[in-house]
Every structure is written in structure tokens, then in C-alpha cells.
Amino acid sequence: MAVMEAMAVGRPVVARNLPSYEGLLENEDTALVCTGTDEFVSGLDRLSKDQQLAETIVKNARANVADHDIRKVARELTSIYESLLRTMTKRKDVKT
């Protein structure tokens, strides 16, 4: 959650390369993804010196995190459930 919050408020993210971030963080696109201490230090140094990189990461991260907005996810799930319900009620062998 902290990573998504940082992305939503416009902070460039430097994060560890973890499976749980797969699909959310893309190195040098929505964050700087690091595997060790040296990469973290290097990433923070790069962001402090390269304003264009920081701005690009913030812009892309905000767009990415918007796709994970709880209201959007809720609408998508509701649509899926309604579609499944319509399909099930059309089938004769399934009782609702």
C-alpha cells in the first residue's frame, strides 16, 4: 500500500524487486526497481540529479496507480459478477 500511496501522491518510487510488485512497478518507467543496497543508493542519486527521469516516473506511476483505484476495481468486479449471474440464470441446469 505504501508504494501505491507514494505513486498516487506524485513521489518517485525506489523499491525492491519483489514478486508482489509485478505488474505494478516497471523499472525506469513507474519506479526504479532495485535488488540491493548499492542499487538503492544509485537510484536515489539518479533521481536527485535527473529531474526528467523523476518526472517521467511520477507521470507513468500516477497513470498506473489510477488503474488500481478501488472504485474502478469495484465496477469491474460488479460487471463480472453480473455477467456471470446472467449466464447462470440462462442455464437450465443451474439454480440461483
C-alpha atoms as a PDB file:
ATOM      1  CA  MET A   1       0.000   0.000   0.000  1.00  0.00           C
ATOM      2  CA  ALA A   2       2.783   2.438   0.822  1.00  0.00           C
ATOM      3  CA  VAL A   3       4.188   2.117  -2.695  1.00  0.00           C
ATOM      4  CA  MET A   4       0.790   2.775  -4.273  1.00  0.00           C
ATOM      5  CA  GLU A   5       0.233   5.741  -1.948  1.00  0.00           C
ATOM      6  CA  ALA A   6       3.595   7.226  -2.925  1.00  0.00           C
ATOM      7  CA  MET A   7       2.735   6.753  -6.599  1.00  0.00           C
ATOM      8  CA  ALA A   8      -0.684   8.352  -6.135  1.00  0.00           C
ATOM      9  CA  VAL A   9       0.692  11.486  -4.462  1.00  0.00           C
ATOM     10  CA  GLY A  10       3.431  12.009  -7.027  1.00  0.00           C
ATOM     11  CA  ARG A  11       6.548  10.738  -5.324  1.00  0.00           C
ATOM     12  CA  PRO A  12       9.061   8.810  -7.447  1.00  0.00           C
ATOM     13  CA  VAL A  13       9.379   5.291  -6.071  1.00  0.00           C
ATOM     14  CA  VAL A  14      12.574   3.361  -5.475  1.00  0.00           C
ATOM     15  CA  ALA A  15      11.601  -0.160  -4.446  1.00  0.00           C
ATOM     16  CA  ARG A  16      12.990  -3.639  -4.011  1.00  0.00           C
ATOM     17  CA  ASN A  17      12.396  -6.132  -6.802  1.00  0.00           C
ATOM     18  CA  LEU A  18       9.629  -8.219  -5.191  1.00  0.00           C
ATOM     19  CA  PRO A  19       7.133 -10.586  -6.828  1.00  0.00           C
ATOM     20  CA  SER A  20       4.246  -8.694  -5.188  1.00  0.00           C
ATOM     21  CA  TYR A  21       5.125  -5.610  -7.247  1.00  0.00           C
ATOM     22  CA  GLU A  22       4.980  -7.483 -10.544  1.00  0.00           C
ATOM     23  CA  GLY A  23       2.637  -5.679 -12.911  1.00  0.00           C
ATOM     24  CA  LEU A  24       2.662  -2.548 -10.748  1.00  0.00           C
ATOM     25  CA  LEU A  25       6.289  -1.431 -10.949  1.00  0.00           C
ATOM     26  CA  GLU A  26       8.291  -1.364 -14.158  1.00  0.00           C
ATOM     27  CA  ASN A  27      11.936  -0.366 -13.853  1.00  0.00           C
ATOM     28  CA  GLU A  28      12.652   3.148 -15.143  1.00  0.00           C
ATOM     29  CA  ASP A  29       9.005   3.533 -16.179  1.00  0.00           C
ATOM     30  CA  THR A  30       6.899   3.630 -12.996  1.00  0.00           C
ATOM     31  CA  ALA A  31       9.732   3.230 -10.466  1.00  0.00           C
ATOM     32  CA  LEU A  32      13.362   2.415 -10.021  1.00  0.00           C
ATOM     33  CA  VAL A  33      13.372  -1.265  -9.104  1.00  0.00           C
ATOM     34  CA  CYS A  34      16.432  -2.376  -7.143  1.00  0.00           C
ATOM     35  CA  THR A  35      17.896  -5.641  -5.931  1.00  0.00           C
ATOM     36  CA  GLY A  36      20.416  -4.442  -3.360  1.00  0.00           C
ATOM     37  CA  THR A  37      21.759  -1.604  -1.281  1.00  0.00           C
ATOM     38  CA  ASP A  38      24.112  -0.316  -3.975  1.00  0.00           C
ATOM     39  CA  GLU A  39      21.250  -0.100  -6.469  1.00  0.00           C
ATOM     40  CA  PHE A  40      19.090   1.761  -3.937  1.00  0.00           C
ATOM     41  CA  VAL A  41      21.841   4.307  -3.334  1.00  0.00           C
ATOM     42  CA  SER A  42      22.455   4.645  -7.069  1.00  0.00           C
ATOM     43  CA  GLY A  43      18.722   5.000  -7.768  1.00  0.00           C
ATOM     44  CA  LEU A  44      18.236   7.713  -5.179  1.00  0.00           C
ATOM     45  CA  ASP A  45      21.288   9.530  -6.527  1.00  0.00           C
ATOM     46  CA  ARG A  46      19.942   9.297 -10.098  1.00  0.00           C
ATOM     47  CA  LEU A  47      16.556  10.680  -9.076  1.00  0.00           C
ATOM     48  CA  SER A  48      18.139  13.585  -7.235  1.00  0.00           C
ATOM     49  CA  LYS A  49      20.221  14.517 -10.298  1.00  0.00           C
ATOM     50  CA  ASP A  50      17.854  13.647 -13.167  1.00  0.00           C
ATOM     51  CA  GLN A  51      14.656  15.693 -12.858  1.00  0.00           C
ATOM     52  CA  GLN A  52      13.375  14.406 -16.208  1.00  0.00           C
ATOM     53  CA  LEU A  53      13.638  10.792 -15.033  1.00  0.00           C
ATOM     54  CA  ALA A  54      11.847  11.650 -11.785  1.00  0.00           C
ATOM     55  CA  GLU A  55       9.052  13.447 -13.663  1.00  0.00           C
ATOM     56  CA  THR A  56       8.640  10.577 -16.129  1.00  0.00           C
ATOM     57  CA  ILE A  57       8.432   8.026 -13.328  1.00  0.00           C
ATOM     58  CA  VAL A  58       5.878  10.136 -11.428  1.00  0.00           C
ATOM     59  CA  LYS A  59       3.718  10.662 -14.537  1.00  0.00           C
ATOM     60  CA  ASN A  60       3.729   6.986 -15.502  1.00  0.00           C
ATOM     61  CA  ALA A  61       3.226   5.821 -11.919  1.00  0.00           C
ATOM     62  CA  ARG A  62       0.182   8.052 -11.425  1.00  0.00           C
ATOM     63  CA  ALA A  63      -1.408   6.667 -14.582  1.00  0.00           C
ATOM     64  CA  ASN A  64      -0.626   3.113 -13.472  1.00  0.00           C
ATOM     65  CA  VAL A  65      -1.975   3.526  -9.953  1.00  0.00           C
ATOM     66  CA  ALA A  66      -5.176   5.049 -11.343  1.00  0.00           C
ATOM     67  CA  ASP A  67      -5.843   1.669 -12.944  1.00  0.00           C
ATOM     68  CA  HIS A  68      -5.867   0.182  -9.438  1.00  0.00           C
ATOM     69  CA  ASP A  69      -8.343   2.671  -7.962  1.00  0.00           C
ATOM     70  CA  ILE A  70     -10.754   0.816  -5.665  1.00  0.00           C
ATOM     71  CA  ARG A  71     -13.805   2.360  -7.353  1.00  0.00           C
ATOM     72  CA  LYS A  72     -12.647   1.196 -10.778  1.00  0.00           C
ATOM     73  CA  VAL A  73     -11.838  -2.284  -9.480  1.00  0.00           C
ATOM     74  CA  ALA A  74     -15.256  -2.461  -7.756  1.00  0.00           C
ATOM     75  CA  ARG A  75     -17.046  -1.500 -11.005  1.00  0.00           C
ATOM     76  CA  GLU A  76     -15.097  -4.118 -12.938  1.00  0.00           C
ATOM     77  CA  LEU A  77     -15.872  -6.828 -10.380  1.00  0.00           C
ATOM     78  CA  THR A  78     -19.543  -5.858 -10.310  1.00  0.00           C
ATOM     79  CA  SER A  79     -19.679  -6.148 -14.088  1.00  0.00           C
ATOM     80  CA  ILE A  80     -18.045  -9.585 -13.983  1.00  0.00           C
ATOM     81  CA  TYR A  81     -20.410 -10.839 -11.272  1.00  0.00           C
ATOM     82  CA  GLU A  82     -23.471  -9.503 -13.113  1.00  0.00           C
ATOM     83  CA  SER A  83     -22.338 -11.186 -16.322  1.00  0.00           C
ATOM     84  CA  LEU A  84     -21.818 -14.472 -14.501  1.00  0.00           C
ATOM     85  CA  LEU A  85     -25.219 -14.196 -12.858  1.00  0.00           C
ATOM     86  CA  ARG A  86     -26.910 -13.552 -16.227  1.00  0.00           C
ATOM     87  CA  THR A  87     -25.116 -16.564 -17.697  1.00  0.00           C
ATOM     88  CA  MET A  88     -26.099 -18.779 -14.788  1.00  0.00           C
ATOM     89  CA  THR A  89     -29.746 -17.752 -14.860  1.00  0.00           C
ATOM     90  CA  LYS A  90     -29.933 -18.577 -18.582  1.00  0.00           C
ATOM     91  CA  ARG A  91     -28.706 -22.119 -17.966  1.00  0.00           C
ATOM     92  CA  LYS A  92     -31.437 -24.600 -17.134  1.00  0.00           C
ATOM     93  CA  ASP A  93     -29.243 -26.904 -15.021  1.00  0.00           C
ATOM     94  CA  VAL A  94     -28.095 -24.233 -12.538  1.00  0.00           C
ATOM     95  CA  LYS A  95     -30.359 -22.880  -9.828  1.00  0.00           C
ATOM     96  CA  THR A  96     -29.754 -19.403  -8.424  1.00  0.00           C
END
